[in-house]
Amino acid sequence: MEAEEAIVMWKKSQDRKLRYTTYIGDGDSSAWKGITNLKPYGKRHPVQKEECKTHVKRMRTALIKLRD
């Protein structure tokens, strides 16, 4: 997900009285950085980040291929 699109999506959630509590993404996501800078719900309701298992599995496979 592009960072700009993620920020727009999170901003719209406020208008719709919806609160995302968890962001799922890969380790180097610029979208995550944008969301944390935005602080869409203030300091009282921080957004948590979860690593996408698919990205982790792909990285593991790529590292094993490099090793072999």
C-alpha atoms as a PDB file:
ATOM      1  CA  MET A   1       0.000   0.000   0.000  1.00  0.00           C
ATOM      2  CA  GLU A   2       1.383   3.361  -0.924  1.00  0.00           C
ATOM      3  CA  ALA A   3       1.954   5.772   1.929  1.00  0.00           C
ATOM      4  CA  GLU A   4      -0.331   8.478   0.531  1.00  0.00           C
ATOM      5  CA  GLU A   5      -3.212   6.023   0.081  1.00  0.00           C
ATOM      6  CA  ALA A   6      -2.778   4.687   3.599  1.00  0.00           C
ATOM      7  CA  ILE A   7      -2.883   8.174   5.097  1.00  0.00           C
ATOM      8  CA  VAL A   8      -6.050   9.031   3.151  1.00  0.00           C
ATOM      9  CA  MET A   9      -7.683   5.802   4.317  1.00  0.00           C
ATOM     10  CA  TRP A  10      -6.809   6.420   7.974  1.00  0.00           C
ATOM     11  CA  LYS A  11      -8.043  10.030   7.787  1.00  0.00           C
ATOM     12  CA  LYS A  12     -11.372   8.887   6.322  1.00  0.00           C
ATOM     13  CA  SER A  13     -11.818   6.483   9.217  1.00  0.00           C
ATOM     14  CA  GLN A  14     -12.187   9.455  11.556  1.00  0.00           C
ATOM     15  CA  ASP A  15     -15.024  10.881   9.443  1.00  0.00           C
ATOM     16  CA  ARG A  16     -16.821   7.540   9.561  1.00  0.00           C
ATOM     17  CA  LYS A  17     -16.339   7.112  13.314  1.00  0.00           C
ATOM     18  CA  LEU A  18     -14.194   4.059  12.712  1.00  0.00           C
ATOM     19  CA  ARG A  19     -10.911   3.339  14.451  1.00  0.00           C
ATOM     20  CA  TYR A  20      -8.266   1.022  13.071  1.00  0.00           C
ATOM     21  CA  THR A  21      -6.287  -0.454  15.940  1.00  0.00           C
ATOM     22  CA  THR A  22      -3.684  -2.509  14.073  1.00  0.00           C
ATOM     23  CA  TYR A  23      -1.653  -1.902  10.936  1.00  0.00           C
ATOM     24  CA  ILE A  24      -0.416  -4.998   9.101  1.00  0.00           C
ATOM     25  CA  GLY A  25       2.610  -4.448   6.887  1.00  0.00           C
ATOM     26  CA  ASP A  26       6.178  -5.312   6.130  1.00  0.00           C
ATOM     27  CA  GLY A  27       9.164  -4.123   8.100  1.00  0.00           C
ATOM     28  CA  ASP A  28      10.208  -1.206   5.913  1.00  0.00           C
ATOM     29  CA  SER A  29       6.797   0.263   5.154  1.00  0.00           C
ATOM     30  CA  SER A  30       6.667   3.981   4.393  1.00  0.00           C
ATOM     31  CA  ALA A  31       2.901   3.793   4.966  1.00  0.00           C
ATOM     32  CA  TRP A  32       3.527   2.857   8.610  1.00  0.00           C
ATOM     33  CA  LYS A  33       5.812   5.849   9.049  1.00  0.00           C
ATOM     34  CA  GLY A  34       3.144   8.113   7.592  1.00  0.00           C
ATOM     35  CA  ILE A  35       0.460   6.743   9.903  1.00  0.00           C
ATOM     36  CA  THR A  36       2.614   7.099  13.009  1.00  0.00           C
ATOM     37  CA  ASN A  37       3.428  10.695  12.055  1.00  0.00           C
ATOM     38  CA  LEU A  38      -0.276  11.372  11.461  1.00  0.00           C
ATOM     39  CA  LYS A  39      -1.325  10.075  14.916  1.00  0.00           C
ATOM     40  CA  PRO A  40      -4.903   9.719  13.648  1.00  0.00           C
ATOM     41  CA  TYR A  41      -6.500   9.025  17.040  1.00  0.00           C
ATOM     42  CA  GLY A  42      -4.207  10.997  19.314  1.00  0.00           C
ATOM     43  CA  LYS A  43      -1.874   9.754  22.025  1.00  0.00           C
ATOM     44  CA  ARG A  44      -4.633   7.950  23.939  1.00  0.00           C
ATOM     45  CA  HIS A  45      -5.281   5.474  21.119  1.00  0.00           C
ATOM     46  CA  PRO A  46      -2.002   4.484  19.467  1.00  0.00           C
ATOM     47  CA  VAL A  47      -2.029   2.228  16.422  1.00  0.00           C
ATOM     48  CA  GLN A  48      -0.158  -1.065  16.784  1.00  0.00           C
ATOM     49  CA  LYS A  49       1.865  -2.674  14.010  1.00  0.00           C
ATOM     50  CA  GLU A  50       1.894  -6.369  13.135  1.00  0.00           C
ATOM     51  CA  GLU A  51       4.338  -7.915  10.706  1.00  0.00           C
ATOM     52  CA  CYS A  52       2.782  -9.646   7.730  1.00  0.00           C
ATOM     53  CA  LYS A  53       3.677 -13.343   7.927  1.00  0.00           C
ATOM     54  CA  THR A  54       3.707 -13.625   4.150  1.00  0.00           C
ATOM     55  CA  HIS A  55       6.449 -10.996   3.910  1.00  0.00           C
ATOM     56  CA  VAL A  56       8.449 -12.739   6.614  1.00  0.00           C
ATOM     57  CA  LYS A  57       8.095 -16.117   4.882  1.00  0.00           C
ATOM     58  CA  ARG A  58       9.186 -14.652   1.537  1.00  0.00           C
ATOM     59  CA  MET A  59      12.204 -13.020   3.161  1.00  0.00           C
ATOM     60  CA  ARG A  60      13.173 -16.307   4.805  1.00  0.00           C
ATOM     61  CA  THR A  61      12.913 -18.141   1.476  1.00  0.00           C
ATOM     62  CA  ALA A  62      14.988 -15.475  -0.276  1.00  0.00           C
ATOM     63  CA  LEU A  63      17.691 -15.658   2.403  1.00  0.00           C
ATOM     64  CA  ILE A  64      17.842 -19.454   2.181  1.00  0.00           C
ATOM     65  CA  LYS A  65      18.237 -19.217  -1.606  1.00  0.00           C
ATOM     66  CA  LEU A  66      21.074 -16.725  -1.165  1.00  0.00           C
ATOM     67  CA  ARG A  67      22.815 -19.026   1.283  1.00  0.00           C
ATOM     68  CA  ASP A  68      22.574 -22.050  -1.028  1.00  0.00           C
END
